[in-house]
Each structure stands twice: as structure tokens, then as C-alpha cells.
N, C-alpha and C. Protein backbone atom coordinates (compact mmCIF):
# COMPACT_ATOMS: atom_id res chain seq x y z
N MET A 1 6.55 0.65 -16.05
CA MET A 1 6.54 0.54 -14.60
C MET A 1 6.73 -0.93 -14.22
N SER A 2 7.70 -1.19 -13.36
CA SER A 2 7.97 -2.57 -12.97
C SER A 2 7.02 -2.99 -11.84
N ALA A 3 6.77 -4.28 -11.80
CA ALA A 3 5.90 -4.82 -10.75
C ALA A 3 6.61 -4.76 -9.41
N ARG A 4 5.85 -4.52 -8.38
CA ARG A 4 6.44 -4.48 -7.05
C ARG A 4 6.58 -5.89 -6.51
N LYS A 5 7.66 -6.10 -5.80
CA LYS A 5 7.89 -7.42 -5.21
C LYS A 5 6.81 -7.69 -4.17
N PRO A 6 6.28 -8.90 -4.16
CA PRO A 6 5.27 -9.22 -3.15
C PRO A 6 5.91 -9.34 -1.76
N LEU A 7 5.12 -9.01 -0.75
CA LEU A 7 5.53 -9.21 0.63
C LEU A 7 5.06 -10.59 1.05
N VAL A 8 5.97 -11.37 1.62
CA VAL A 8 5.68 -12.72 2.08
C VAL A 8 5.96 -12.76 3.58
N PHE A 9 4.93 -13.07 4.36
CA PHE A 9 5.06 -13.08 5.81
C PHE A 9 5.42 -14.48 6.31
N THR A 10 6.41 -14.56 7.21
CA THR A 10 6.66 -15.82 7.89
C THR A 10 5.48 -16.07 8.82
N GLN A 11 5.35 -17.28 9.30
CA GLN A 11 4.26 -17.58 10.23
C GLN A 11 4.37 -16.72 11.48
N HIS A 12 5.60 -16.55 11.97
CA HIS A 12 5.81 -15.70 13.16
C HIS A 12 5.31 -14.29 12.90
N ALA A 13 5.71 -13.71 11.77
CA ALA A 13 5.29 -12.33 11.46
C ALA A 13 3.78 -12.24 11.34
N GLN A 14 3.15 -13.20 10.67
CA GLN A 14 1.70 -13.17 10.52
C GLN A 14 1.01 -13.30 11.87
N ASP A 15 1.54 -14.16 12.74
CA ASP A 15 0.98 -14.30 14.09
C ASP A 15 1.04 -12.98 14.85
N VAL A 16 2.18 -12.28 14.76
CA VAL A 16 2.34 -11.00 15.44
C VAL A 16 1.35 -9.97 14.90
N VAL A 17 1.22 -9.90 13.59
CA VAL A 17 0.28 -8.96 12.96
C VAL A 17 -1.14 -9.24 13.46
N ASP A 18 -1.52 -10.51 13.49
CA ASP A 18 -2.86 -10.88 13.93
C ASP A 18 -3.07 -10.59 15.42
N GLU A 19 -2.11 -10.98 16.25
CA GLU A 19 -2.25 -10.80 17.70
C GLU A 19 -2.31 -9.33 18.09
N ARG A 20 -1.49 -8.51 17.44
CA ARG A 20 -1.40 -7.09 17.81
C ARG A 20 -2.30 -6.21 16.95
N GLU A 21 -3.05 -6.85 16.04
CA GLU A 21 -3.98 -6.14 15.17
C GLU A 21 -3.30 -4.98 14.45
N LEU A 22 -2.13 -5.27 13.86
CA LEU A 22 -1.38 -4.27 13.12
C LEU A 22 -1.97 -4.12 11.72
N ASP A 23 -2.03 -2.90 11.25
CA ASP A 23 -2.58 -2.62 9.92
C ASP A 23 -1.53 -3.02 8.87
N PRO A 24 -1.87 -3.92 7.95
CA PRO A 24 -0.91 -4.33 6.92
C PRO A 24 -0.39 -3.16 6.08
N GLU A 25 -1.18 -2.10 5.96
CA GLU A 25 -0.74 -0.92 5.21
C GLU A 25 0.47 -0.27 5.90
N TRP A 26 0.49 -0.27 7.24
CA TRP A 26 1.63 0.30 7.97
C TRP A 26 2.90 -0.49 7.65
N ILE A 27 2.75 -1.80 7.57
CA ILE A 27 3.91 -2.67 7.29
C ILE A 27 4.39 -2.42 5.86
N GLU A 28 3.47 -2.38 4.94
CA GLU A 28 3.85 -2.16 3.54
C GLU A 28 4.54 -0.80 3.38
N ARG A 29 3.98 0.23 4.01
CA ARG A 29 4.57 1.56 3.94
C ARG A 29 5.99 1.57 4.52
N THR A 30 6.17 0.87 5.62
CA THR A 30 7.49 0.81 6.27
C THR A 30 8.49 0.06 5.40
N VAL A 31 8.08 -1.05 4.82
CA VAL A 31 8.97 -1.85 3.99
C VAL A 31 9.34 -1.13 2.70
N ARG A 32 8.36 -0.53 2.05
CA ARG A 32 8.59 0.07 0.73
C ARG A 32 9.15 1.49 0.79
N ALA A 33 8.89 2.20 1.89
CA ALA A 33 9.37 3.59 2.01
C ALA A 33 9.82 3.87 3.44
N PRO A 34 10.85 3.16 3.92
CA PRO A 34 11.31 3.38 5.29
C PRO A 34 11.93 4.76 5.47
N GLU A 35 11.84 5.27 6.69
CA GLU A 35 12.50 6.53 7.00
C GLU A 35 13.99 6.30 7.20
N TRP A 36 14.35 5.10 7.70
CA TRP A 36 15.74 4.71 7.78
C TRP A 36 15.84 3.20 7.89
N THR A 37 17.01 2.68 7.57
CA THR A 37 17.27 1.24 7.63
C THR A 37 18.62 0.99 8.27
N ILE A 38 18.75 -0.18 8.87
CA ILE A 38 20.04 -0.64 9.39
C ILE A 38 20.12 -2.15 9.17
N PRO A 39 21.32 -2.67 8.95
CA PRO A 39 21.44 -4.12 8.83
C PRO A 39 21.24 -4.76 10.21
N ASP A 40 20.68 -5.95 10.22
CA ASP A 40 20.52 -6.69 11.47
C ASP A 40 21.91 -7.19 11.88
N PRO A 41 22.36 -6.88 13.08
CA PRO A 41 23.71 -7.27 13.49
C PRO A 41 23.93 -8.76 13.68
N ARG A 42 22.84 -9.53 13.84
CA ARG A 42 22.98 -10.96 14.10
C ARG A 42 22.60 -11.86 12.93
N ARG A 43 21.93 -11.29 11.93
CA ARG A 43 21.46 -12.11 10.81
C ARG A 43 21.89 -11.48 9.49
N PRO A 44 22.93 -12.04 8.86
CA PRO A 44 23.40 -11.50 7.58
C PRO A 44 22.28 -11.49 6.53
N GLY A 45 22.19 -10.39 5.81
CA GLY A 45 21.19 -10.27 4.76
C GLY A 45 19.86 -9.72 5.23
N VAL A 46 19.65 -9.69 6.54
CA VAL A 46 18.39 -9.18 7.08
C VAL A 46 18.54 -7.68 7.34
N GLU A 47 17.52 -6.94 6.97
CA GLU A 47 17.54 -5.50 7.15
C GLU A 47 16.39 -5.09 8.07
N ARG A 48 16.67 -4.14 8.94
CA ARG A 48 15.63 -3.57 9.80
C ARG A 48 15.20 -2.26 9.16
N ARG A 49 13.90 -2.11 8.90
CA ARG A 49 13.36 -0.91 8.28
C ARG A 49 12.41 -0.23 9.27
N PHE A 50 12.55 1.07 9.38
CA PHE A 50 11.83 1.83 10.40
C PHE A 50 11.01 2.95 9.77
N ARG A 51 9.86 3.24 10.40
CA ARG A 51 9.03 4.35 9.96
C ARG A 51 8.07 4.72 11.08
N ALA A 52 7.93 6.03 11.33
CA ALA A 52 6.95 6.51 12.29
C ALA A 52 5.56 6.36 11.68
N ILE A 53 4.61 5.92 12.49
CA ILE A 53 3.24 5.71 12.03
C ILE A 53 2.34 6.75 12.70
N PRO A 54 1.97 7.81 11.96
CA PRO A 54 1.16 8.88 12.55
C PRO A 54 -0.16 8.37 13.13
N GLU A 55 -0.76 7.37 12.47
CA GLU A 55 -2.04 6.83 12.94
C GLU A 55 -1.92 6.08 14.26
N PHE A 56 -0.69 5.84 14.70
CA PHE A 56 -0.47 5.13 15.96
C PHE A 56 0.35 6.02 16.90
N GLY A 57 0.01 7.28 16.92
CA GLY A 57 0.64 8.22 17.84
C GLY A 57 2.09 8.55 17.49
N GLY A 58 2.47 8.31 16.24
CA GLY A 58 3.84 8.61 15.82
C GLY A 58 4.87 7.60 16.28
N ARG A 59 4.41 6.49 16.86
CA ARG A 59 5.36 5.46 17.30
C ARG A 59 6.06 4.85 16.10
N THR A 60 7.26 4.34 16.34
CA THR A 60 8.10 3.82 15.27
C THR A 60 7.91 2.32 15.08
N LEU A 61 7.52 1.96 13.86
CA LEU A 61 7.35 0.56 13.51
C LEU A 61 8.68 0.03 12.97
N ARG A 62 9.07 -1.13 13.43
CA ARG A 62 10.29 -1.79 12.95
C ARG A 62 9.89 -3.08 12.27
N VAL A 63 10.37 -3.24 11.03
CA VAL A 63 10.09 -4.45 10.26
C VAL A 63 11.43 -5.07 9.89
N ALA A 64 11.65 -6.31 10.32
CA ALA A 64 12.84 -7.05 9.92
C ALA A 64 12.46 -7.86 8.69
N CYS A 65 13.25 -7.68 7.62
CA CYS A 65 12.91 -8.37 6.38
C CYS A 65 14.15 -8.80 5.62
N TYR A 66 13.92 -9.73 4.71
CA TYR A 66 14.98 -10.27 3.86
C TYR A 66 14.49 -10.15 2.43
N GLU A 67 15.19 -9.35 1.63
CA GLU A 67 14.76 -9.10 0.26
C GLU A 67 15.52 -9.98 -0.71
N THR A 68 14.79 -10.63 -1.61
CA THR A 68 15.39 -11.43 -2.67
C THR A 68 14.98 -10.82 -4.01
N THR A 69 15.40 -11.43 -5.09
CA THR A 69 15.00 -10.93 -6.40
C THR A 69 13.51 -11.15 -6.67
N LEU A 70 12.90 -12.09 -5.94
CA LEU A 70 11.49 -12.43 -6.17
C LEU A 70 10.51 -11.79 -5.20
N ASN A 71 10.92 -11.61 -3.93
CA ASN A 71 9.98 -11.10 -2.94
C ASN A 71 10.71 -10.45 -1.77
N ILE A 72 9.92 -9.94 -0.85
CA ILE A 72 10.44 -9.40 0.41
C ILE A 72 9.80 -10.23 1.51
N ARG A 73 10.61 -10.97 2.22
CA ARG A 73 10.12 -11.85 3.28
C ARG A 73 10.12 -11.06 4.60
N ILE A 74 8.94 -10.94 5.20
CA ILE A 74 8.78 -10.25 6.47
C ILE A 74 9.02 -11.25 7.59
N LEU A 75 10.04 -11.00 8.41
CA LEU A 75 10.41 -11.94 9.47
C LEU A 75 9.73 -11.61 10.79
N THR A 76 9.68 -10.32 11.13
CA THR A 76 9.00 -9.89 12.34
C THR A 76 8.67 -8.42 12.22
N VAL A 77 7.73 -7.98 13.03
CA VAL A 77 7.29 -6.59 13.00
C VAL A 77 6.80 -6.20 14.39
N PHE A 78 7.19 -5.02 14.84
CA PHE A 78 6.71 -4.53 16.13
C PHE A 78 7.02 -3.05 16.28
N PHE A 79 6.33 -2.40 17.21
CA PHE A 79 6.64 -1.01 17.52
C PHE A 79 7.83 -1.01 18.46
N ASP A 80 8.88 -0.30 18.06
CA ASP A 80 10.15 -0.30 18.78
C ASP A 80 10.29 0.99 19.58
N ARG A 81 10.08 0.88 20.88
CA ARG A 81 10.16 2.06 21.75
C ARG A 81 11.56 2.66 21.80
N ASN A 82 12.58 1.86 21.54
CA ASN A 82 13.96 2.32 21.64
C ASN A 82 14.58 2.74 20.31
N ALA A 83 13.79 2.72 19.24
CA ALA A 83 14.32 3.06 17.92
C ALA A 83 14.74 4.51 17.85
N ARG A 84 15.95 4.73 17.38
CA ARG A 84 16.47 6.09 17.20
C ARG A 84 17.13 6.15 15.84
N ARG A 85 16.78 7.18 15.09
CA ARG A 85 17.36 7.37 13.76
C ARG A 85 18.88 7.58 13.93
N PRO A 86 19.68 6.85 13.12
CA PRO A 86 21.14 7.03 13.21
C PRO A 86 21.53 8.47 12.86
N ALA A 87 22.56 8.93 13.53
CA ALA A 87 23.04 10.31 13.29
C ALA A 87 23.78 10.42 11.98
């Protein structure tokens, strides 16, 4: 079994998590097992990962991250009211 890449939060992402009291488990679940992903249209290499969070009324969490061979850098995280799974 290979080791899982560590999640590394930018200061912005950590501030958002702290301010909004987001559960780190929701973020990890979204990053490691997203329901869907799309590339960020403005930032090459950045991926948006989405997952509904049942513990938060089924709202969709969006995590923007950049994955390298060493880690997954979390750039920002928030509940996205406009998120729609691509057809």
C-alpha cells in the first residue's frame, strides 16, 4: 500500500477553514474521492474537486487544489451554491 500524499494548505485556505469552521475531514474526502472534477479555467494545473457533504445538508464543497508528486496543495475551499455536475 502506497503512502497517501499529504494535504498542504495555503494560508488563504487555512484562514477560510478556520473562519468558516469547516471540518477538515470534508476537505480530505472531497480531495481524495471527489464526485467530479474540472480544470480551473484561469489557472493551469489547478483542479476543482467537488463533493456533496451530507453532514452539511448535502451542499456541494468545492476544493481548488494543485497536485504534485509530493503533495496536494489546497488553494481554497468553499461551499459552491452554483456547482452543477457536468453532463
